[in-house]
């Protein structure tokens, strides 16, 4: 049998996993940079992650695809709820969905938990340092909004977990790929 690039990529599990890991790493690093620098996670950064995640899940079969999409919908729902209330941006919602799709079934929940814990701790830190009084405009006190780079913190938490699993610092059965 002649080995071509397409057969190597679509029949070799390690090829698919390395593409998935590279896409995830690029998405996480890019979202950290853009969220900290420009306070936005652009669509051109999250859309390829969403599309590639869906395409790679189709290789797992219909059952694996449906399970992963259902899981990502459940993980993304709290962020959609927060987006509707103005608590998080749309880029954060798309980032959570893309990371969930690219991480696969076995890592979606641990990465979600690591990202939300990291972002939650940083949010508490930012809110603790905010002025409780706000700003005085001469007649009224205007509450100041506190900007929290939630997407960058979420991505950092996901990167930390991926690094811990890659280096084998914490042996979590079934989570090291």
C-alpha atoms as a PDB file:
ATOM      1  CA  UNK A   1       0.000   0.000   0.000  1.00  0.00           C
ATOM      2  CA  UNK A   2       1.298   3.396  -0.976  1.00  0.00           C
ATOM      3  CA  UNK A   3       1.506   5.836   1.926  1.00  0.00           C
ATOM      4  CA  UNK A   4       0.370   9.346   1.062  1.00  0.00           C
ATOM      5  CA  UNK A   5      -0.118  12.395   3.208  1.00  0.00           C
ATOM      6  CA  UNK A   6      -3.895  11.934   3.347  1.00  0.00           C
ATOM      7  CA  UNK A   7      -3.668   8.291   4.435  1.00  0.00           C
ATOM      8  CA  UNK A   8      -1.020   9.169   7.003  1.00  0.00           C
ATOM      9  CA  UNK A   9      -3.140  11.971   8.456  1.00  0.00           C
ATOM     10  CA  UNK A  10      -6.496  10.237   8.487  1.00  0.00           C
ATOM     11  CA  UNK A  11      -5.421   6.711   9.417  1.00  0.00           C
ATOM     12  CA  UNK A  12      -2.669   7.566  11.865  1.00  0.00           C
ATOM     13  CA  UNK A  13      -4.045   8.455  15.278  1.00  0.00           C
ATOM     14  CA  UNK A  14      -0.878  10.330  16.220  1.00  0.00           C
ATOM     15  CA  UNK A  15      -1.165  12.541  13.142  1.00  0.00           C
ATOM     16  CA  UNK A  16      -4.679  13.578  14.076  1.00  0.00           C
ATOM     17  CA  UNK A  17      -3.713  14.123  17.708  1.00  0.00           C
ATOM     18  CA  UNK A  18      -0.698  16.246  16.780  1.00  0.00           C
ATOM     19  CA  UNK A  19      -2.806  18.411  14.455  1.00  0.00           C
ATOM     20  CA  UNK A  20      -5.410  18.760  17.193  1.00  0.00           C
ATOM     21  CA  UNK A  21      -2.765  19.685  19.779  1.00  0.00           C
ATOM     22  CA  UNK A  22      -1.110  22.235  17.478  1.00  0.00           C
ATOM     23  CA  UNK A  23      -4.467  23.843  16.685  1.00  0.00           C
ATOM     24  CA  UNK A  24      -5.331  23.958  20.385  1.00  0.00           C
ATOM     25  CA  UNK A  25      -1.957  25.439  21.303  1.00  0.00           C
ATOM     26  CA  UNK A  26      -2.218  28.101  18.598  1.00  0.00           C
ATOM     27  CA  UNK A  27      -5.754  28.974  19.645  1.00  0.00           C
ATOM     28  CA  UNK A  28      -4.828  29.261  23.324  1.00  0.00           C
ATOM     29  CA  UNK A  29      -1.666  31.302  22.731  1.00  0.00           C
ATOM     30  CA  UNK A  30      -3.409  33.599  20.249  1.00  0.00           C
ATOM     31  CA  UNK A  31      -6.356  34.200  22.544  1.00  0.00           C
ATOM     32  CA  UNK A  32      -4.064  35.062  25.438  1.00  0.00           C
ATOM     33  CA  UNK A  33      -2.210  37.608  23.290  1.00  0.00           C
ATOM     34  CA  UNK A  34      -5.282  39.212  21.728  1.00  0.00           C
ATOM     35  CA  UNK A  35      -7.324  39.315  24.924  1.00  0.00           C
ATOM     36  CA  UNK A  36      -4.532  40.976  26.890  1.00  0.00           C
ATOM     37  CA  UNK A  37      -3.374  43.307  24.117  1.00  0.00           C
ATOM     38  CA  UNK A  38      -6.623  44.317  22.391  1.00  0.00           C
ATOM     39  CA  UNK A  39      -9.329  43.138  24.847  1.00  0.00           C
ATOM     40  CA  UNK A  40     -10.953  41.017  22.152  1.00  0.00           C
ATOM     41  CA  UNK A  41     -10.762  37.446  20.897  1.00  0.00           C
ATOM     42  CA  UNK A  42     -11.269  37.768  17.141  1.00  0.00           C
ATOM     43  CA  UNK A  43     -13.504  35.511  15.085  1.00  0.00           C
ATOM     44  CA  UNK A  44     -10.670  34.628  12.704  1.00  0.00           C
ATOM     45  CA  UNK A  45      -8.900  33.056  15.670  1.00  0.00           C
ATOM     46  CA  UNK A  46     -11.791  31.006  17.054  1.00  0.00           C
ATOM     47  CA  UNK A  47     -13.581  30.043  13.818  1.00  0.00           C
ATOM     48  CA  UNK A  48     -10.819  27.727  12.502  1.00  0.00           C
ATOM     49  CA  UNK A  49     -10.756  25.997  15.881  1.00  0.00           C
ATOM     50  CA  UNK A  50     -14.497  25.442  15.764  1.00  0.00           C
ATOM     51  CA  UNK A  51     -14.427  24.143  12.181  1.00  0.00           C
ATOM     52  CA  UNK A  52     -11.374  21.902  12.662  1.00  0.00           C
ATOM     53  CA  UNK A  53     -12.740  20.595  15.938  1.00  0.00           C
ATOM     54  CA  UNK A  54     -16.003  19.611  14.257  1.00  0.00           C
ATOM     55  CA  UNK A  55     -14.179  18.047  11.301  1.00  0.00           C
ATOM     56  CA  UNK A  56     -11.889  16.036  13.543  1.00  0.00           C
ATOM     57  CA  UNK A  57     -14.821  14.834  15.616  1.00  0.00           C
ATOM     58  CA  UNK A  58     -16.458  13.432  12.500  1.00  0.00           C
ATOM     59  CA  UNK A  59     -13.538  10.998  12.306  1.00  0.00           C
ATOM     60  CA  UNK A  60     -14.709   9.516  15.627  1.00  0.00           C
ATOM     61  CA  UNK A  61     -17.992   8.422  14.070  1.00  0.00           C
ATOM     62  CA  UNK A  62     -21.520   9.670  14.521  1.00  0.00           C
ATOM     63  CA  UNK A  63     -21.804   8.602  18.148  1.00  0.00           C
ATOM     64  CA  UNK A  64     -18.550  10.281  19.211  1.00  0.00           C
ATOM     65  CA  UNK A  65     -19.446  13.388  17.224  1.00  0.00           C
ATOM     66  CA  UNK A  66     -22.862  13.725  18.849  1.00  0.00           C
ATOM     67  CA  UNK A  67     -21.470  13.109  22.338  1.00  0.00           C
ATOM     68  CA  UNK A  68     -18.777  15.741  21.869  1.00  0.00           C
ATOM     69  CA  UNK A  69     -21.160  18.336  20.440  1.00  0.00           C
ATOM     70  CA  UNK A  70     -23.616  17.723  23.305  1.00  0.00           C
ATOM     71  CA  UNK A  71     -20.815  18.048  25.855  1.00  0.00           C
ATOM     72  CA  UNK A  72     -19.558  21.291  24.313  1.00  0.00           C
ATOM     73  CA  UNK A  73     -23.107  22.693  24.322  1.00  0.00           C
ATOM     74  CA  UNK A  74     -23.372  21.905  28.037  1.00  0.00           C
ATOM     75  CA  UNK A  75     -19.961  23.425  28.804  1.00  0.00           C
ATOM     76  CA  UNK A  76     -20.662  26.548  26.765  1.00  0.00           C
ATOM     77  CA  UNK A  77     -24.109  27.232  28.225  1.00  0.00           C
ATOM     78  CA  UNK A  78     -22.882  29.110  31.354  1.00  0.00           C
ATOM     79  CA  UNK A  79     -20.871  31.410  29.101  1.00  0.00           C
ATOM     80  CA  UNK A  80     -23.855  32.019  26.804  1.00  0.00           C
ATOM     81  CA  UNK A  81     -25.847  32.903  29.922  1.00  0.00           C
ATOM     82  CA  UNK A  82     -23.091  35.308  30.995  1.00  0.00           C
ATOM     83  CA  UNK A  83     -22.876  36.787  27.506  1.00  0.00           C
ATOM     84  CA  UNK A  84     -26.609  37.522  27.510  1.00  0.00           C
ATOM     85  CA  UNK A  85     -26.142  39.506  30.717  1.00  0.00           C
ATOM     86  CA  UNK A  86     -23.010  41.308  29.555  1.00  0.00           C
ATOM     87  CA  UNK A  87     -20.668  39.544  31.957  1.00  0.00           C
ATOM     88  CA  UNK A  88     -18.422  37.951  29.313  1.00  0.00           C
ATOM     89  CA  UNK A  89     -17.754  38.717  25.678  1.00  0.00           C
ATOM     90  CA  UNK A  90     -18.746  36.712  22.646  1.00  0.00           C
ATOM     91  CA  UNK A  91     -15.123  35.798  21.992  1.00  0.00           C
ATOM     92  CA  UNK A  92     -14.952  34.104  25.387  1.00  0.00           C
ATOM     93  CA  UNK A  93     -17.984  31.980  24.503  1.00  0.00           C
ATOM     94  CA  UNK A  94     -16.515  30.962  21.147  1.00  0.00           C
ATOM     95  CA  UNK A  95     -13.156  30.254  22.792  1.00  0.00           C
ATOM     96  CA  UNK A  96     -14.745  27.846  25.288  1.00  0.00           C
ATOM     97  CA  UNK A  97     -16.601  26.074  22.469  1.00  0.00           C
ATOM     98  CA  UNK A  98     -13.508  25.800  20.250  1.00  0.00           C
ATOM     99  CA  UNK A  99     -11.312  24.565  23.106  1.00  0.00           C
ATOM    100  CA  UNK A 100     -13.949  21.990  24.042  1.00  0.00           C
ATOM    101  CA  UNK A 101     -14.174  20.730  20.460  1.00  0.00           C
ATOM    102  CA  UNK A 102     -10.417  20.612  19.930  1.00  0.00           C
ATOM    103  CA  UNK A 103      -9.664  18.957  23.261  1.00  0.00           C
ATOM    104  CA  UNK A 104     -11.928  15.986  22.601  1.00  0.00           C
ATOM    105  CA  UNK A 105     -14.222  14.015  24.862  1.00  0.00           C
ATOM    106  CA  UNK A 106     -11.652  12.908  27.414  1.00  0.00           C
ATOM    107  CA  UNK A 107     -10.126  16.348  28.080  1.00  0.00           C
ATOM    108  CA  UNK A 108     -13.077  18.714  27.575  1.00  0.00           C
ATOM    109  CA  UNK A 109     -14.302  18.686  31.183  1.00  0.00           C
ATOM    110  CA  UNK A 110     -10.866  18.854  32.901  1.00  0.00           C
ATOM    111  CA  UNK A 111      -9.784  21.721  30.607  1.00  0.00           C
ATOM    112  CA  UNK A 112     -13.081  23.504  31.231  1.00  0.00           C
ATOM    113  CA  UNK A 113     -12.619  23.175  34.989  1.00  0.00           C
ATOM    114  CA  UNK A 114      -8.970  24.258  34.888  1.00  0.00           C
ATOM    115  CA  UNK A 115      -9.810  27.272  32.729  1.00  0.00           C
ATOM    116  CA  UNK A 116     -12.772  28.420  34.784  1.00  0.00           C
ATOM    117  CA  UNK A 117     -10.903  27.961  38.068  1.00  0.00           C
ATOM    118  CA  UNK A 118      -7.931  29.982  36.783  1.00  0.00           C
ATOM    119  CA  UNK A 119     -10.210  32.710  35.401  1.00  0.00           C
ATOM    120  CA  UNK A 120     -12.362  32.709  38.543  1.00  0.00           C
ATOM    121  CA  UNK A 121      -9.387  33.142  40.852  1.00  0.00           C
ATOM    122  CA  UNK A 122      -8.037  35.975  38.699  1.00  0.00           C
ATOM    123  CA  UNK A 123     -11.491  37.589  38.606  1.00  0.00           C
ATOM    124  CA  UNK A 124     -11.667  37.557  42.407  1.00  0.00           C
ATOM    125  CA  UNK A 125      -8.192  39.093  42.533  1.00  0.00           C
ATOM    126  CA  UNK A 126      -9.227  41.888  40.150  1.00  0.00           C
ATOM    127  CA  UNK A 127     -12.475  42.544  41.990  1.00  0.00           C
ATOM    128  CA  UNK A 128     -10.718  42.630  45.366  1.00  0.00           C
ATOM    129  CA  UNK A 129      -8.376  45.328  44.079  1.00  0.00           C
ATOM    130  CA  UNK A 130     -11.168  47.449  42.556  1.00  0.00           C
ATOM    131  CA  UNK A 131     -12.286  50.626  44.247  1.00  0.00           C
ATOM    132  CA  UNK A 132     -15.564  50.043  46.098  1.00  0.00           C
ATOM    133  CA  UNK A 133     -16.499  53.712  45.898  1.00  0.00           C
ATOM    134  CA  UNK A 134     -16.397  54.254  42.170  1.00  0.00           C
ATOM    135  CA  UNK A 135     -15.899  57.689  40.627  1.00  0.00           C
ATOM    136  CA  UNK A 136     -17.467  60.960  41.782  1.00  0.00           C
ATOM    137  CA  UNK A 137     -18.726  63.213  38.962  1.00  0.00           C
ATOM    138  CA  UNK A 138     -19.782  66.100  41.177  1.00  0.00           C
ATOM    139  CA  UNK A 139     -23.341  64.959  41.823  1.00  0.00           C
ATOM    140  CA  UNK A 140     -23.397  61.161  41.710  1.00  0.00           C
ATOM    141  CA  UNK A 141     -21.090  58.270  42.333  1.00  0.00           C
ATOM    142  CA  UNK A 142     -20.542  56.326  39.125  1.00  0.00           C
ATOM    143  CA  UNK A 143     -19.567  52.709  39.596  1.00  0.00           C
ATOM    144  CA  UNK A 144     -16.488  51.796  37.610  1.00  0.00           C
ATOM    145  CA  UNK A 145     -16.460  48.682  35.473  1.00  0.00           C
ATOM    146  CA  UNK A 146     -13.643  46.281  36.142  1.00  0.00           C
ATOM    147  CA  UNK A 147     -12.199  44.733  32.985  1.00  0.00           C
ATOM    148  CA  UNK A 148     -11.173  41.120  33.460  1.00  0.00           C
ATOM    149  CA  UNK A 149      -9.400  39.251  30.642  1.00  0.00           C
ATOM    150  CA  UNK A 150     -11.490  36.127  31.200  1.00  0.00           C
ATOM    151  CA  UNK A 151     -10.574  34.496  27.887  1.00  0.00           C
ATOM    152  CA  UNK A 152      -6.857  34.927  28.501  1.00  0.00           C
ATOM    153  CA  UNK A 153      -7.143  33.449  31.999  1.00  0.00           C
ATOM    154  CA  UNK A 154      -9.269  30.567  30.710  1.00  0.00           C
ATOM    155  CA  UNK A 155      -6.674  29.847  28.019  1.00  0.00           C
ATOM    156  CA  UNK A 156      -3.855  30.042  30.560  1.00  0.00           C
ATOM    157  CA  UNK A 157      -5.631  27.524  32.795  1.00  0.00           C
ATOM    158  CA  UNK A 158      -6.070  25.187  29.825  1.00  0.00           C
ATOM    159  CA  UNK A 159      -2.389  25.545  28.920  1.00  0.00           C
ATOM    160  CA  UNK A 160      -1.302  24.828  32.476  1.00  0.00           C
ATOM    161  CA  UNK A 161      -3.395  21.655  32.569  1.00  0.00           C
ATOM    162  CA  UNK A 162      -2.106  20.507  29.170  1.00  0.00           C
ATOM    163  CA  UNK A 163       1.458  21.110  30.372  1.00  0.00           C
ATOM    164  CA  UNK A 164       0.891  19.198  33.596  1.00  0.00           C
ATOM    165  CA  UNK A 165      -0.553  16.271  31.672  1.00  0.00           C
ATOM    166  CA  UNK A 166       2.154  16.368  28.996  1.00  0.00           C
ATOM    167  CA  UNK A 167       4.971  16.322  31.542  1.00  0.00           C
ATOM    168  CA  UNK A 168       3.249  13.699  33.661  1.00  0.00           C
ATOM    169  CA  UNK A 169       3.408  15.786  36.837  1.00  0.00           C
ATOM    170  CA  UNK A 170       0.005  14.550  37.951  1.00  0.00           C
ATOM    171  CA  UNK A 171      -0.880  11.051  36.800  1.00  0.00           C
ATOM    172  CA  UNK A 172      -4.540  11.382  35.877  1.00  0.00           C
ATOM    173  CA  UNK A 173      -5.660   8.068  34.453  1.00  0.00           C
ATOM    174  CA  UNK A 174      -7.100   8.380  30.990  1.00  0.00           C
ATOM    175  CA  UNK A 175      -6.290  12.073  30.593  1.00  0.00           C
ATOM    176  CA  UNK A 176      -2.767  12.016  29.200  1.00  0.00           C
ATOM    177  CA  UNK A 177      -2.673  11.962  25.444  1.00  0.00           C
END
